[in-house]
PDB file of N, CA and C in Angstrom:
ATOM      1  N   MET A   1     120.136  58.015 155.095  1.00  0.00           N
ATOM      2  CA  MET A   1     120.740  57.032 154.235  1.00  0.00           C
ATOM      3  C   MET A   1     121.162  55.817 155.056  1.00  0.00           C
ATOM      4  N   ASP A   2     121.055  54.706 154.433  1.00  0.00           N
ATOM      5  CA  ASP A   2     121.480  53.440 155.004  1.00  0.00           C
ATOM      6  C   ASP A   2     122.999  53.453 155.235  1.00  0.00           C
ATOM      7  N   HIS A   3     123.455  52.749 156.247  1.00  0.00           N
ATOM      8  CA  HIS A   3     124.886  52.705 156.576  1.00  0.00           C
ATOM      9  C   HIS A   3     125.716  52.201 155.394  1.00  0.00           C
ATOM     10  N   ASP A   4     125.246  51.168 154.700  1.00  0.00           N
ATOM     11  CA  ASP A   4     125.992  50.615 153.565  1.00  0.00           C
ATOM     12  C   ASP A   4     126.121  51.634 152.436  1.00  0.00           C
ATOM     13  N   ILE A   5     125.089  52.426 152.228  1.00  0.00           N
ATOM     14  CA  ILE A   5     125.132  53.456 151.185  1.00  0.00           C
ATOM     15  C   ILE A   5     126.149  54.526 151.571  1.00  0.00           C
ATOM     16  N   ARG A   6     126.126  54.955 152.809  1.00  0.00           N
ATOM     17  CA  ARG A   6     127.095  55.964 153.265  1.00  0.00           C
ATOM     18  C   ARG A   6     128.525  55.445 153.144  1.00  0.00           C
ATOM     19  N   ARG A   7     128.748  54.189 153.543  1.00  0.00           N
ATOM     20  CA  ARG A   7     130.081  53.599 153.475  1.00  0.00           C
ATOM     21  C   ARG A   7     130.566  53.541 152.037  1.00  0.00           C
ATOM     22  N   ARG A   8     129.710  53.086 151.134  1.00  0.00           N
ATOM     23  CA  ARG A   8     130.091  52.979 149.724  1.00  0.00           C
ATOM     24  C   ARG A   8     130.307  54.366 149.115  1.00  0.00           C
ATOM     25  N   ALA A   9     129.485  55.324 149.468  1.00  0.00           N
ATOM     26  CA  ALA A   9     129.655  56.690 148.970  1.00  0.00           C
ATOM     27  C   ALA A   9     131.002  57.250 149.406  1.00  0.00           C
ATOM     28  N   ASN A  10     131.401  56.966 150.639  1.00  0.00           N
ATOM     29  CA  ASN A  10     132.711  57.407 151.120  1.00  0.00           C
ATOM     30  C   ASN A  10     133.838  56.739 150.347  1.00  0.00           C
ATOM     31  N   GLU A  11     133.692  55.458 150.034  1.00  0.00           N
ATOM     32  CA  GLU A  11     134.698  54.756 149.237  1.00  0.00           C
ATOM     33  C   GLU A  11     134.829  55.397 147.855  1.00  0.00           C
ATOM     34  N   LEU A  12     133.702  55.694 147.247  1.00  0.00           N
ATOM     35  CA  LEU A  12     133.717  56.330 145.929  1.00  0.00           C
ATOM     36  C   LEU A  12     134.363  57.711 145.994  1.00  0.00           C
ATOM     37  N   ALA A  13     134.063  58.452 147.056  1.00  0.00           N
ATOM     38  CA  ALA A  13     134.641  59.786 147.211  1.00  0.00           C
ATOM     39  C   ALA A  13     136.156  59.708 147.384  1.00  0.00           C
ATOM     40  N   GLU A  14     136.623  58.730 148.149  1.00  0.00           N
ATOM     41  CA  GLU A  14     138.068  58.556 148.325  1.00  0.00           C
ATOM     42  C   GLU A  14     138.739  58.197 147.004  1.00  0.00           C
ATOM     43  N   ARG A  15     138.087  57.359 146.222  1.00  0.00           N
ATOM     44  CA  ARG A  15     138.632  56.987 144.913  1.00  0.00           C
ATOM     45  C   ARG A  15     138.675  58.202 143.994  1.00  0.00           C
ATOM     46  N   ALA A  16     137.643  59.019 144.033  1.00  0.00           N
ATOM     47  CA  ALA A  16     137.577  60.216 143.190  1.00  0.00           C
ATOM     48  C   ALA A  16     138.618  61.246 143.614  1.00  0.00           C
ATOM     49  N   GLU A  17     138.906  61.292 144.906  1.00  0.00           N
ATOM     50  CA  GLU A  17     139.831  62.293 145.430  1.00  0.00           C
ATOM     51  C   GLU A  17     141.228  62.158 144.821  1.00  0.00           C
ATOM     52  N   GLY A  18     141.614  60.966 144.489  1.00  0.00           N
ATOM     53  CA  GLY A  18     142.930  60.744 143.916  1.00  0.00           C
ATOM     54  C   GLY A  18     143.002  60.965 142.419  1.00  0.00           C
ATOM     55  N   THR A  19     141.945  61.454 141.809  1.00  0.00           N
ATOM     56  CA  THR A  19     141.905  61.664 140.366  1.00  0.00           C
ATOM     57  C   THR A  19     141.677  63.137 140.047  1.00  0.00           C
ATOM     58  N   ALA A  20     141.700  63.421 138.775  1.00  0.00           N
ATOM     59  CA  ALA A  20     141.444  64.793 138.320  1.00  0.00           C
ATOM     60  C   ALA A  20     139.978  65.181 138.467  1.00  0.00           C
ATOM     61  N   LEU A  21     139.127  64.223 138.764  1.00  0.00           N
ATOM     62  CA  LEU A  21     137.686  64.489 138.879  1.00  0.00           C
ATOM     63  C   LEU A  21     137.385  65.575 139.900  1.00  0.00           C
ATOM     64  N   THR A  22     138.124  65.601 140.977  1.00  0.00           N
ATOM     65  CA  THR A  22     137.838  66.577 142.029  1.00  0.00           C
ATOM     66  C   THR A  22     138.518  67.924 141.782  1.00  0.00           C
ATOM     67  N   ASN A  23     139.410  67.995 140.828  1.00  0.00           N
ATOM     68  CA  ASN A  23     140.083  69.261 140.523  1.00  0.00           C
ATOM     69  C   ASN A  23     139.159  70.166 139.729  1.00  0.00           C
ATOM     70  N   GLY A  24     138.804  71.283 140.323  1.00  0.00           N
ATOM     71  CA  GLY A  24     137.983  72.258 139.632  1.00  0.00           C
ATOM     72  C   GLY A  24     136.496  71.952 139.619  1.00  0.00           C
ATOM     73  N   CYS A  25     136.104  70.823 140.165  1.00  0.00           N
ATOM     74  CA  CYS A  25     134.685  70.468 140.215  1.00  0.00           C
ATOM     75  C   CYS A  25     134.099  70.911 141.546  1.00  0.00           C
ATOM     76  N   GLN A  26     132.838  71.224 141.497  1.00  0.00           N
ATOM     77  CA  GLN A  26     132.116  71.593 142.707  1.00  0.00           C
ATOM     78  C   GLN A  26     132.065  70.365 143.633  1.00  0.00           C
ATOM     79  N   PRO A  27     132.592  70.452 144.845  1.00  0.00           N
ATOM     80  CA  PRO A  27     132.622  69.300 145.738  1.00  0.00           C
ATOM     81  C   PRO A  27     131.239  68.682 145.980  1.00  0.00           C
ATOM     82  N   SER A  28     130.224  69.520 146.055  1.00  0.00           N
ATOM     83  CA  SER A  28     128.885  68.983 146.302  1.00  0.00           C
ATOM     84  C   SER A  28     128.387  68.155 145.115  1.00  0.00           C
ATOM     85  N   GLY A  29     128.838  68.475 143.923  1.00  0.00           N
ATOM     86  CA  GLY A  29     128.461  67.678 142.747  1.00  0.00           C
ATOM     87  C   GLY A  29     129.089  66.303 142.778  1.00  0.00           C
ATOM     88  N   VAL A  30     130.354  66.246 143.182  1.00  0.00           N
ATOM     89  CA  VAL A  30     131.048  64.961 143.308  1.00  0.00           C
ATOM     90  C   VAL A  30     130.400  64.142 144.420  1.00  0.00           C
ATOM     91  N   ALA A  31     130.102  64.782 145.541  1.00  0.00           N
ATOM     92  CA  ALA A  31     129.464  64.088 146.656  1.00  0.00           C
ATOM     93  C   ALA A  31     128.096  63.543 146.253  1.00  0.00           C
ATOM     94  N   ALA A  32     127.332  64.341 145.539  1.00  0.00           N
ATOM     95  CA  ALA A  32     126.006  63.892 145.086  1.00  0.00           C
ATOM     96  C   ALA A  32     126.124  62.675 144.186  1.00  0.00           C
ATOM     97  N   ALA A  33     127.091  62.695 143.289  1.00  0.00           N
ATOM     98  CA  ALA A  33     127.293  61.551 142.389  1.00  0.00           C
ATOM     99  C   ALA A  33     127.692  60.311 143.172  1.00  0.00           C
ATOM    100  N   CYS A  34     128.529  60.477 144.178  1.00  0.00           N
ATOM    101  CA  CYS A  34     128.938  59.342 145.009  1.00  0.00           C
ATOM    102  C   CYS A  34     127.736  58.741 145.743  1.00  0.00           C
ATOM    103  N   VAL A  35     126.916  59.594 146.317  1.00  0.00           N
ATOM    104  CA  VAL A  35     125.726  59.115 147.025  1.00  0.00           C
ATOM    105  C   VAL A  35     124.773  58.429 146.054  1.00  0.00           C
ATOM    106  N   TYR A  36     124.554  59.037 144.904  1.00  0.00           N
ATOM    107  CA  TYR A  36     123.623  58.457 143.942  1.00  0.00           C
ATOM    108  C   TYR A  36     124.112  57.092 143.455  1.00  0.00           C
ATOM    109  N   LEU A  37     125.389  56.998 143.091  1.00  0.00           N
ATOM    110  CA  LEU A  37     125.927  55.714 142.632  1.00  0.00           C
ATOM    111  C   LEU A  37     125.853  54.654 143.723  1.00  0.00           C
ATOM    112  N   ALA A  38     126.207  55.032 144.929  1.00  0.00           N
ATOM    113  CA  ALA A  38     126.152  54.085 146.045  1.00  0.00           C
ATOM    114  C   ALA A  38     124.724  53.600 146.278  1.00  0.00           C
ATOM    115  N   ALA A  39     123.779  54.507 146.214  1.00  0.00           N
ATOM    116  CA  ALA A  39     122.371  54.131 146.401  1.00  0.00           C
ATOM    117  C   ALA A  39     121.910  53.186 145.292  1.00  0.00           C
ATOM    118  N   GLN A  40     122.313  53.461 144.076  1.00  0.00           N
ATOM    119  CA  GLN A  40     121.934  52.602 142.957  1.00  0.00           C
ATOM    120  C   GLN A  40     122.534  51.202 143.109  1.00  0.00           C
ATOM    121  N   GLU A  41     123.786  51.144 143.538  1.00  0.00           N
ATOM    122  CA  GLU A  41     124.438  49.853 143.748  1.00  0.00           C
ATOM    123  C   GLU A  41     123.736  49.028 144.816  1.00  0.00           C
ATOM    124  N   GLN A  42     123.177  49.692 145.809  1.00  0.00           N
ATOM    125  CA  GLN A  42     122.484  49.007 146.904  1.00  0.00           C
ATOM    126  C   GLN A  42     121.023  48.730 146.575  1.00  0.00           C
ATOM    127  N   GLY A  43     120.567  49.187 145.425  1.00  0.00           N
ATOM    128  CA  GLY A  43     119.189  48.949 145.019  1.00  0.00           C
ATOM    129  C   GLY A  43     118.183  49.897 145.658  1.00  0.00           C
ATOM    130  N   ALA A  44     118.675  51.001 146.220  1.00  0.00           N
ATOM    131  CA  ALA A  44     117.779  51.977 146.841  1.00  0.00           C
ATOM    132  C   ALA A  44     117.006  52.732 145.769  1.00  0.00           C
ATOM    133  N   LEU A  45     115.770  52.999 146.049  1.00  0.00           N
ATOM    134  CA  LEU A  45     114.929  53.738 145.113  1.00  0.00           C
ATOM    135  C   LEU A  45     115.014  55.222 145.443  1.00  0.00           C
ATOM    136  N   ILE A  46     115.971  55.883 144.834  1.00  0.00           N
ATOM    137  CA  ILE A  46     116.159  57.315 145.046  1.00  0.00           C
ATOM    138  C   ILE A  46     116.423  57.945 143.679  1.00  0.00           C
ATOM    139  N   THR A  47     115.819  59.068 143.446  1.00  0.00           N
ATOM    140  CA  THR A  47     115.944  59.701 142.140  1.00  0.00           C
ATOM    141  C   THR A  47     117.140  60.642 142.086  1.00  0.00           C
ATOM    142  N   GLN A  48     117.611  60.874 140.882  1.00  0.00           N
ATOM    143  CA  GLN A  48     118.678  61.848 140.677  1.00  0.00           C
ATOM    144  C   GLN A  48     118.238  63.213 141.176  1.00  0.00           C
ATOM    145  N   SER A  49     117.003  63.546 140.918  1.00  0.00           N
ATOM    146  CA  SER A  49     116.458  64.836 141.325  1.00  0.00           C
ATOM    147  C   SER A  49     116.502  65.013 142.840  1.00  0.00           C
ATOM    148  N   THR A  50     116.174  63.979 143.578  1.00  0.00           N
ATOM    149  CA  THR A  50     116.183  64.045 145.041  1.00  0.00           C
ATOM    150  C   THR A  50     117.591  64.281 145.565  1.00  0.00           C
ATOM    151  N   VAL A  51     118.550  63.521 145.041  1.00  0.00           N
ATOM    152  CA  VAL A  51     119.936  63.667 145.493  1.00  0.00           C
ATOM    153  C   VAL A  51     120.487  65.032 145.091  1.00  0.00           C
ATOM    154  N   ALA A  52     120.231  65.438 143.852  1.00  0.00           N
ATOM    155  CA  ALA A  52     120.723  66.732 143.367  1.00  0.00           C
ATOM    156  C   ALA A  52     120.142  67.877 144.207  1.00  0.00           C
ATOM    157  N   SER A  53     118.877  67.798 144.520  1.00  0.00           N
ATOM    158  CA  SER A  53     118.233  68.835 145.319  1.00  0.00           C
ATOM    159  C   SER A  53     118.849  68.906 146.722  1.00  0.00           C
ATOM    160  N   ALA A  54     119.073  67.754 147.333  1.00  0.00           N
ATOM    161  CA  ALA A  54     119.665  67.729 148.669  1.00  0.00           C
ATOM    162  C   ALA A  54     121.080  68.306 148.666  1.00  0.00           C
ATOM    163  N   ALA A  55     121.807  68.084 147.579  1.00  0.00           N
ATOM    164  CA  ALA A  55     123.183  68.585 147.474  1.00  0.00           C
ATOM    165  C   ALA A  55     123.245  70.000 146.907  1.00  0.00           C
ATOM    166  N   GLU A  56     122.098  70.517 146.521  1.00  0.00           N
ATOM    167  CA  GLU A  56     122.001  71.848 145.917  1.00  0.00           C
ATOM    168  C   GLU A  56     122.858  71.974 144.654  1.00  0.00           C
ATOM    169  N   VAL A  57     122.751  70.945 143.794  1.00  0.00           N
ATOM    170  CA  VAL A  57     123.391  70.964 142.481  1.00  0.00           C
ATOM    171  C   VAL A  57     122.334  70.609 141.446  1.00  0.00           C
ATOM    172  N   SER A  58     122.650  70.837 140.188  1.00  0.00           N
ATOM    173  CA  SER A  58     121.700  70.481 139.137  1.00  0.00           C
ATOM    174  C   SER A  58     121.784  68.988 138.832  1.00  0.00           C
ATOM    175  N   VAL A  59     120.727  68.462 138.270  1.00  0.00           N
ATOM    176  CA  VAL A  59     120.709  67.062 137.854  1.00  0.00           C
ATOM    177  C   VAL A  59     121.773  66.833 136.786  1.00  0.00           C
ATOM    178  N   VAL A  60     121.996  67.818 135.940  1.00  0.00           N
ATOM    179  CA  VAL A  60     123.019  67.708 134.893  1.00  0.00           C
ATOM    180  C   VAL A  60     124.405  67.552 135.527  1.00  0.00           C
ATOM    181  N   THR A  61     124.679  68.323 136.570  1.00  0.00           N
ATOM    182  CA  THR A  61     125.958  68.200 137.279  1.00  0.00           C
ATOM    183  C   THR A  61     126.097  66.816 137.878  1.00  0.00           C
ATOM    184  N   LEU A  62     125.053  66.335 138.527  1.00  0.00           N
ATOM    185  CA  LEU A  62     125.080  64.999 139.119  1.00  0.00           C
ATOM    186  C   LEU A  62     125.387  63.960 138.057  1.00  0.00           C
ATOM    187  N   ARG A  63     124.704  64.026 136.924  1.00  0.00           N
ATOM    188  CA  ARG A  63     124.924  63.052 135.854  1.00  0.00           C
ATOM    189  C   ARG A  63     126.345  63.118 135.308  1.00  0.00           C
ATOM    190  N   SER A  64     126.856  64.330 135.142  1.00  0.00           N
ATOM    191  CA  SER A  64     128.217  64.490 134.622  1.00  0.00           C
ATOM    192  C   SER A  64     129.235  63.871 135.569  1.00  0.00           C
ATOM    193  N   ARG A  65     129.120  64.168 136.859  1.00  0.00           N
ATOM    194  CA  ARG A  65     130.049  63.603 137.833  1.00  0.00           C
ATOM    195  C   ARG A  65     129.858  62.096 137.953  1.00  0.00           C
ATOM    196  N   ARG A  66     128.624  61.617 137.852  1.00  0.00           N
ATOM    197  CA  ARG A  66     128.368  60.175 137.888  1.00  0.00           C
ATOM    198  C   ARG A  66     129.082  59.482 136.748  1.00  0.00           C
ATOM    199  N   ASP A  67     128.946  60.034 135.548  1.00  0.00           N
ATOM    200  CA  ASP A  67     129.595  59.424 134.380  1.00  0.00           C
ATOM    201  C   ASP A  67     131.099  59.418 134.534  1.00  0.00           C
ATOM    202  N   GLU A  68     131.649  60.493 135.079  1.00  0.00           N
ATOM    203  CA  GLU A  68     133.095  60.567 135.297  1.00  0.00           C
ATOM    204  C   GLU A  68     133.547  59.564 136.359  1.00  0.00           C
ATOM    205  N   LEU A  69     132.746  59.415 137.409  1.00  0.00           N
ATOM    206  CA  LEU A  69     133.073  58.432 138.440  1.00  0.00           C
ATOM    207  C   LEU A  69     133.050  57.015 137.879  1.00  0.00           C
ATOM    208  N   GLN A  70     132.086  56.716 137.050  1.00  0.00           N
ATOM    209  CA  GLN A  70     131.975  55.384 136.488  1.00  0.00           C
ATOM    210  C   GLN A  70     133.147  55.073 135.563  1.00  0.00           C
ATOM    211  N   ALA A  71     133.770  56.100 135.011  1.00  0.00           N
ATOM    212  CA  ALA A  71     134.885  55.909 134.086  1.00  0.00           C
ATOM    213  C   ALA A  71     136.207  55.633 134.807  1.00  0.00           C
ATOM    214  N   ILE A  72     136.250  55.905 136.128  1.00  0.00           N
ATOM    215  CA  ILE A  72     137.518  55.662 136.843  1.00  0.00           C
ATOM    216  C   ILE A  72     137.491  54.343 137.569  1.00  0.00           C
TER     217      ILE A  72
END
């Protein structure tokens, strides 16, 4: 991953950490959503499936955490 994507993903993860999003959620699902959102913001061409597979979560989990992240 590009340095800017990693930096932004970390920012998103820190923001999520202070919310209920991380309570009871699989940490890898939250991390996958952070990486996916950061990549999308940077214009990287990466699929949900690729990120979900790397994080060993389902695409549905990634989408759910992504939607929750976007709401905060």
